[in-house]
């Protein structure tokens, strides 16, 4: 059983949605591919009391999980979700419940040293796996203008991608998050409700961690890891990720005679008004769930 949660731990998004749609039952096996600080896993394991595999690419998260989960039935994997999924398929593992929360956790955002936050100055890192070599600074200081434009447009849907890329080239080298935020703000003078660098930070983070590429390659593996009747859920935080999941579910699900997946969420499940009061970071979260026929 998981130990008591501490008040300062990351609050999992869409927790009640996950529990309602997955409906975890006693004895069901569970795979959490982005376990983070164990928020979803703790609640699911309270209901299943069964074998579970928790994956995270962040060594700090793994250290927390080791402390929280002292059950012999819980195994931990310090890998990115694609590498872990590949290994689990090779070992012919299957699960009743699989969850992937494709987002940056609050501790990442709140820790300036990780370089994810616009509001807190820190090194331009943005690596979810700190053992990988390429940081956000490496990318920003070496990519040519056309590559920067592509990243900003494709991953950030940034309408001023060309102007921002030009400014980055002119101002580099850059090493801190505040330097990048200030450069982007030059392309967006005047007042805006959200920080004008939000899309740029998202785009660079996705590129550094190959988030969309990993998701596209992992989804077929996750389907292989499902037991018959098993449920697969993906929580995404922007339209690009959600589109990848929606397209995959549509390709393998629906009312066709050869459909392998039954889609359990006709529309993505989103945060309730009550959740948004206590966890505003859930405002952009979307959960899609399908089961293996």
Protein backbone atom coordinates (compact mmCIF):
# COMPACT_ATOMS: atom_id res chain seq x y z
CA UNK A 1 0.00 0.00 0.00
CA UNK A 2 1.20 3.56 -0.66
CA UNK A 3 2.23 5.65 2.32
CA UNK A 4 0.30 8.73 3.37
CA UNK A 5 0.61 11.56 0.84
CA UNK A 6 2.31 14.75 1.88
CA UNK A 7 0.46 18.04 1.42
CA UNK A 8 3.12 19.51 -0.83
CA UNK A 9 3.04 16.69 -3.36
CA UNK A 10 1.90 17.14 -6.94
CA UNK A 11 -1.91 17.10 -7.25
CA UNK A 12 -2.88 14.73 -10.09
CA UNK A 13 -5.18 16.15 -12.76
CA UNK A 14 -8.54 14.60 -13.64
CA UNK A 15 -8.20 12.10 -10.79
CA UNK A 16 -11.93 11.60 -10.27
CA UNK A 17 -12.46 11.35 -14.04
CA UNK A 18 -9.81 8.61 -14.19
CA UNK A 19 -11.40 6.67 -11.34
CA UNK A 20 -14.92 7.00 -12.76
CA UNK A 21 -14.05 5.92 -16.31
CA UNK A 22 -11.48 3.23 -15.49
CA UNK A 23 -13.51 1.89 -12.54
CA UNK A 24 -10.52 -0.02 -11.07
CA UNK A 25 -11.43 -3.35 -9.49
CA UNK A 26 -9.79 -5.63 -6.95
CA UNK A 27 -7.02 -7.69 -8.50
CA UNK A 28 -6.59 -5.66 -11.70
CA UNK A 29 -3.01 -5.02 -12.83
CA UNK A 30 -1.93 -1.45 -13.48
CA UNK A 31 0.70 0.26 -15.64
CA UNK A 32 1.38 3.96 -15.10
CA UNK A 33 3.69 5.17 -17.85
CA UNK A 34 4.22 8.65 -16.41
CA UNK A 35 3.85 7.95 -12.70
CA UNK A 36 5.38 11.23 -11.56
CA UNK A 37 4.87 11.56 -7.82
CA UNK A 38 2.29 8.78 -7.58
CA UNK A 39 -0.95 10.74 -7.42
CA UNK A 40 -3.00 8.61 -9.81
CA UNK A 41 -1.21 5.41 -8.82
CA UNK A 42 -1.93 5.85 -5.10
CA UNK A 43 -5.67 6.06 -5.64
CA UNK A 44 -5.86 3.29 -8.21
CA UNK A 45 -3.81 0.90 -6.07
CA UNK A 46 -6.12 1.54 -3.12
CA UNK A 47 -8.80 -0.11 -5.25
CA UNK A 48 -6.85 -2.84 -7.06
CA UNK A 49 -4.39 -4.12 -4.40
CA UNK A 50 -2.58 -5.89 -7.22
CA UNK A 51 0.57 -5.95 -9.33
CA UNK A 52 1.58 -2.57 -10.72
CA UNK A 53 4.40 -1.13 -12.83
CA UNK A 54 5.22 2.56 -12.41
CA UNK A 55 7.37 4.29 -15.02
CA UNK A 56 9.01 7.71 -15.02
CA UNK A 57 11.98 9.14 -16.88
CA UNK A 58 12.76 11.60 -14.06
CA UNK A 59 15.14 10.23 -11.42
CA UNK A 60 13.72 12.63 -8.82
CA UNK A 61 10.23 11.24 -9.36
CA UNK A 62 11.55 7.68 -9.06
CA UNK A 63 13.16 8.56 -5.72
CA UNK A 64 9.81 9.81 -4.44
CA UNK A 65 8.00 6.73 -5.76
CA UNK A 66 10.49 4.46 -3.99
CA UNK A 67 9.60 6.18 -0.74
CA UNK A 68 5.84 6.23 -1.32
CA UNK A 69 5.41 2.65 -2.55
CA UNK A 70 6.98 -0.03 -0.41
CA UNK A 71 4.77 -2.84 -1.72
CA UNK A 72 6.58 -5.80 -3.27
CA UNK A 73 3.93 -5.92 -6.00
CA UNK A 74 4.90 -2.44 -7.24
CA UNK A 75 7.88 -2.34 -9.62
CA UNK A 76 9.53 0.88 -10.77
CA UNK A 77 11.18 1.68 -14.10
CA UNK A 78 13.38 4.77 -14.49
CA UNK A 79 12.93 5.14 -18.27
CA UNK A 80 11.00 7.23 -20.74
CA UNK A 81 7.61 5.73 -21.54
CA UNK A 82 8.62 4.62 -25.03
CA UNK A 83 11.69 2.67 -23.87
CA UNK A 84 9.76 1.18 -20.97
CA UNK A 85 6.86 0.17 -23.23
CA UNK A 86 9.24 -1.50 -25.68
CA UNK A 87 10.85 -3.50 -22.86
CA UNK A 88 7.49 -4.54 -21.41
CA UNK A 89 6.23 -5.73 -24.81
CA UNK A 90 9.44 -7.74 -25.27
CA UNK A 91 8.78 -9.38 -21.89
CA UNK A 92 5.17 -10.09 -22.96
CA UNK A 93 3.66 -8.15 -20.07
CA UNK A 94 -0.04 -7.24 -20.16
CA UNK A 95 -2.22 -5.07 -17.93
CA UNK A 96 -5.86 -4.38 -17.12
CA UNK A 97 -5.34 -0.63 -16.72
CA UNK A 98 -2.80 1.58 -18.52
CA UNK A 99 -2.53 5.33 -17.92
CA UNK A 100 -0.23 7.94 -19.46
CA UNK A 101 -0.39 11.53 -18.21
CA UNK A 102 1.48 13.40 -20.96
CA UNK A 103 2.35 16.63 -19.21
CA UNK A 104 4.80 18.48 -17.03
CA UNK A 105 4.23 17.98 -13.30
CA UNK A 106 3.88 20.84 -10.85
CA UNK A 107 7.25 20.10 -9.19
CA UNK A 108 8.91 20.48 -12.59
CA UNK A 109 7.23 23.82 -13.16
CA UNK A 110 7.87 25.02 -9.62
CA UNK A 111 11.56 24.09 -9.62
CA UNK A 112 13.42 26.91 -11.38
CA UNK A 113 16.49 24.72 -11.86
CA UNK A 114 14.56 22.46 -14.25
CA UNK A 115 14.01 25.33 -16.69
CA UNK A 116 10.33 24.73 -17.50
CA UNK A 117 8.91 27.87 -15.89
CA UNK A 118 8.45 31.22 -17.59
CA UNK A 119 7.91 32.97 -14.28
CA UNK A 120 10.94 31.63 -12.39
CA UNK A 121 14.42 32.35 -13.73
CA UNK A 122 16.60 29.32 -14.17
CA UNK A 123 18.84 27.52 -16.67
CA UNK A 124 17.32 26.68 -20.04
CA UNK A 125 17.19 22.95 -19.38
CA UNK A 126 13.64 21.53 -19.93
CA UNK A 127 14.86 17.92 -19.95
CA UNK A 128 12.40 15.50 -18.36
CA UNK A 129 15.18 12.92 -18.38
CA UNK A 130 18.22 14.69 -16.98
CA UNK A 131 20.56 12.00 -18.29
CA UNK A 132 19.93 12.99 -21.91
CA UNK A 133 22.50 15.33 -23.40
CA UNK A 134 20.52 17.97 -25.31
CA UNK A 135 19.05 20.81 -23.26
CA UNK A 136 16.79 23.66 -24.34
CA UNK A 137 19.84 25.95 -24.38
CA UNK A 138 21.66 23.56 -26.71
CA UNK A 139 18.72 23.54 -29.09
CA UNK A 140 18.13 27.29 -29.03
CA UNK A 141 21.80 28.16 -29.46
CA UNK A 142 22.56 25.77 -32.33
CA UNK A 143 19.40 25.31 -34.44
CA UNK A 144 19.24 27.31 -37.65
CA UNK A 145 16.43 29.78 -38.28
CA UNK A 146 14.33 27.46 -40.46
CA UNK A 147 14.46 24.71 -37.81
CA UNK A 148 13.42 27.15 -35.08
CA UNK A 149 10.52 28.37 -37.22
CA UNK A 150 9.40 24.78 -37.81
CA UNK A 151 9.52 23.93 -34.09
CA UNK A 152 7.62 27.05 -33.06
CA UNK A 153 4.95 26.58 -35.72
CA UNK A 154 4.56 22.82 -35.45
CA UNK A 155 4.81 22.32 -31.69
CA UNK A 156 3.70 25.71 -30.40
CA UNK A 157 1.26 26.83 -33.10
CA UNK A 158 2.99 30.19 -32.72
CA UNK A 159 1.71 32.78 -35.24
CA UNK A 160 4.85 34.92 -34.89
CA UNK A 161 7.27 32.00 -35.28
CA UNK A 162 9.34 33.73 -37.96
CA UNK A 163 9.81 36.92 -35.93
CA UNK A 164 10.66 35.01 -32.72
CA UNK A 165 13.15 32.74 -34.51
CA UNK A 166 14.88 35.80 -35.98
CA UNK A 167 15.12 37.42 -32.53
CA UNK A 168 16.53 34.22 -31.00
CA UNK A 169 19.24 34.08 -33.67
CA UNK A 170 20.09 37.75 -33.08
CA UNK A 171 20.23 37.54 -29.29
CA UNK A 172 21.94 34.20 -28.71
CA UNK A 173 23.72 32.71 -26.94
CA UNK A 174 21.09 32.50 -24.22
CA UNK A 175 21.25 30.48 -21.02
CA UNK A 176 18.24 31.34 -18.83
CA UNK A 177 14.47 31.12 -18.99
CA UNK A 178 14.05 34.84 -18.36
CA UNK A 179 16.31 35.62 -21.32
CA UNK A 180 14.11 33.53 -23.61
CA UNK A 181 10.88 34.96 -22.18
CA UNK A 182 12.16 38.53 -22.64
CA UNK A 183 13.15 37.85 -26.25
CA UNK A 184 9.72 36.43 -27.11
CA UNK A 185 8.01 39.36 -25.42
CA UNK A 186 9.71 41.69 -27.91
CA UNK A 187 7.67 40.02 -30.65
CA UNK A 188 4.46 40.50 -28.65
CA UNK A 189 4.50 44.07 -27.23
CA UNK A 190 1.58 45.22 -25.12
CA UNK A 191 -0.70 43.46 -22.64
CA UNK A 192 -1.78 39.83 -22.88
CA UNK A 193 -3.70 37.68 -20.37
CA UNK A 194 -1.19 34.84 -20.61
CA UNK A 195 2.55 35.29 -21.00
CA UNK A 196 3.39 35.71 -24.71
CA UNK A 197 6.21 33.15 -24.38
CA UNK A 198 3.87 30.33 -23.31
CA UNK A 199 3.65 28.83 -26.81
CA UNK A 200 7.40 29.14 -27.35
CA UNK A 201 8.22 27.39 -24.07
CA UNK A 202 5.77 24.62 -24.95
CA UNK A 203 7.30 24.17 -28.39
CA UNK A 204 10.89 24.03 -27.14
CA UNK A 205 9.95 21.59 -24.36
CA UNK A 206 8.21 19.26 -26.83
CA UNK A 207 11.19 19.37 -29.17
CA UNK A 208 13.78 18.76 -26.43
CA UNK A 209 11.89 15.74 -25.10
CA UNK A 210 10.56 14.43 -28.47
CA UNK A 211 7.14 14.29 -26.83
CA UNK A 212 4.95 13.93 -29.92
CA UNK A 213 7.27 11.47 -31.61
CA UNK A 214 7.41 9.29 -28.51
CA UNK A 215 3.62 9.38 -28.14
CA UNK A 216 3.04 8.35 -31.77
CA UNK A 217 5.46 5.43 -31.46
CA UNK A 218 4.21 4.36 -28.05
CA UNK A 219 0.46 4.12 -28.71
CA UNK A 220 0.68 0.87 -30.75
CA UNK A 221 2.82 -0.65 -27.99
CA UNK A 222 0.28 0.33 -25.34
CA UNK A 223 -2.42 -1.49 -27.26
CA UNK A 224 -0.21 -4.61 -27.25
CA UNK A 225 0.20 -4.27 -23.48
CA UNK A 226 -3.56 -4.38 -22.84
CA UNK A 227 -5.33 -7.50 -21.66
CA UNK A 228 -8.69 -8.26 -23.35
CA UNK A 229 -11.14 -5.83 -21.79
CA UNK A 230 -8.25 -3.72 -20.48
CA UNK A 231 -8.54 0.05 -20.53
CA UNK A 232 -6.00 2.54 -21.91
CA UNK A 233 -6.22 6.20 -20.96
CA UNK A 234 -4.14 9.17 -22.08
CA UNK A 235 -4.24 12.61 -20.47
CA UNK A 236 -2.97 15.36 -22.78
CA UNK A 237 -2.54 19.08 -22.29
CA UNK A 238 -2.64 20.61 -25.74
CA UNK A 239 -4.32 20.04 -29.06
CA UNK A 240 -1.34 18.42 -30.79
CA UNK A 241 -1.12 15.57 -28.26
CA UNK A 242 -4.88 15.18 -28.11
CA UNK A 243 -5.06 14.95 -31.90
CA UNK A 244 -2.48 12.13 -31.93
CA UNK A 245 -4.50 10.13 -29.38
CA UNK A 246 -7.85 10.88 -31.03
CA UNK A 247 -6.53 9.80 -34.44
CA UNK A 248 -5.06 6.56 -33.07
CA UNK A 249 -8.28 5.63 -31.26
CA UNK A 250 -10.29 6.39 -34.40
CA UNK A 251 -7.98 4.28 -36.58
CA UNK A 252 -8.29 1.25 -34.28
CA UNK A 253 -11.78 1.76 -32.84
CA UNK A 254 -15.33 2.59 -33.82
CA UNK A 255 -18.15 0.42 -35.11
CA UNK A 256 -16.17 -1.46 -37.76
CA UNK A 257 -16.24 -5.26 -37.64
CA UNK A 258 -12.44 -5.32 -37.32
CA UNK A 259 -12.18 -2.61 -34.63
CA UNK A 260 -9.75 -3.56 -31.87
CA UNK A 261 -10.65 -0.76 -29.50
CA UNK A 262 -13.93 0.30 -27.96
CA UNK A 263 -13.82 4.05 -27.34
CA UNK A 264 -15.12 4.84 -23.85
CA UNK A 265 -14.96 8.64 -24.17
CA UNK A 266 -16.88 9.91 -27.20
CA UNK A 267 -15.52 13.32 -26.26
CA UNK A 268 -12.50 13.95 -24.07
CA UNK A 269 -13.21 14.07 -20.35
CA UNK A 270 -12.22 17.43 -18.84
CA UNK A 271 -11.85 18.95 -15.39
CA UNK A 272 -14.91 19.85 -13.34
CA UNK A 273 -15.47 23.37 -12.07
CA UNK A 274 -14.67 22.13 -8.55
CA UNK A 275 -11.31 20.72 -9.65
CA UNK A 276 -10.36 23.94 -11.39
CA UNK A 277 -10.81 25.84 -8.13
CA UNK A 278 -8.14 23.75 -6.38
CA UNK A 279 -6.01 22.74 -9.38
CA UNK A 280 -6.07 25.43 -12.11
CA UNK A 281 -3.36 23.58 -14.08
CA UNK A 282 -6.06 21.05 -14.99
CA UNK A 283 -7.85 23.59 -17.20
CA UNK A 284 -6.27 22.33 -20.42
CA UNK A 285 -6.19 18.62 -19.51
CA UNK A 286 -8.13 16.14 -21.66
CA UNK A 287 -8.60 12.44 -20.95
CA UNK A 288 -9.40 9.89 -23.67
CA UNK A 289 -9.98 6.23 -22.78
CA UNK A 290 -10.49 3.10 -24.88
CA UNK A 291 -10.71 -0.61 -24.05
CA UNK A 292 -9.40 -3.63 -25.93
CA UNK A 293 -12.21 -5.62 -27.52
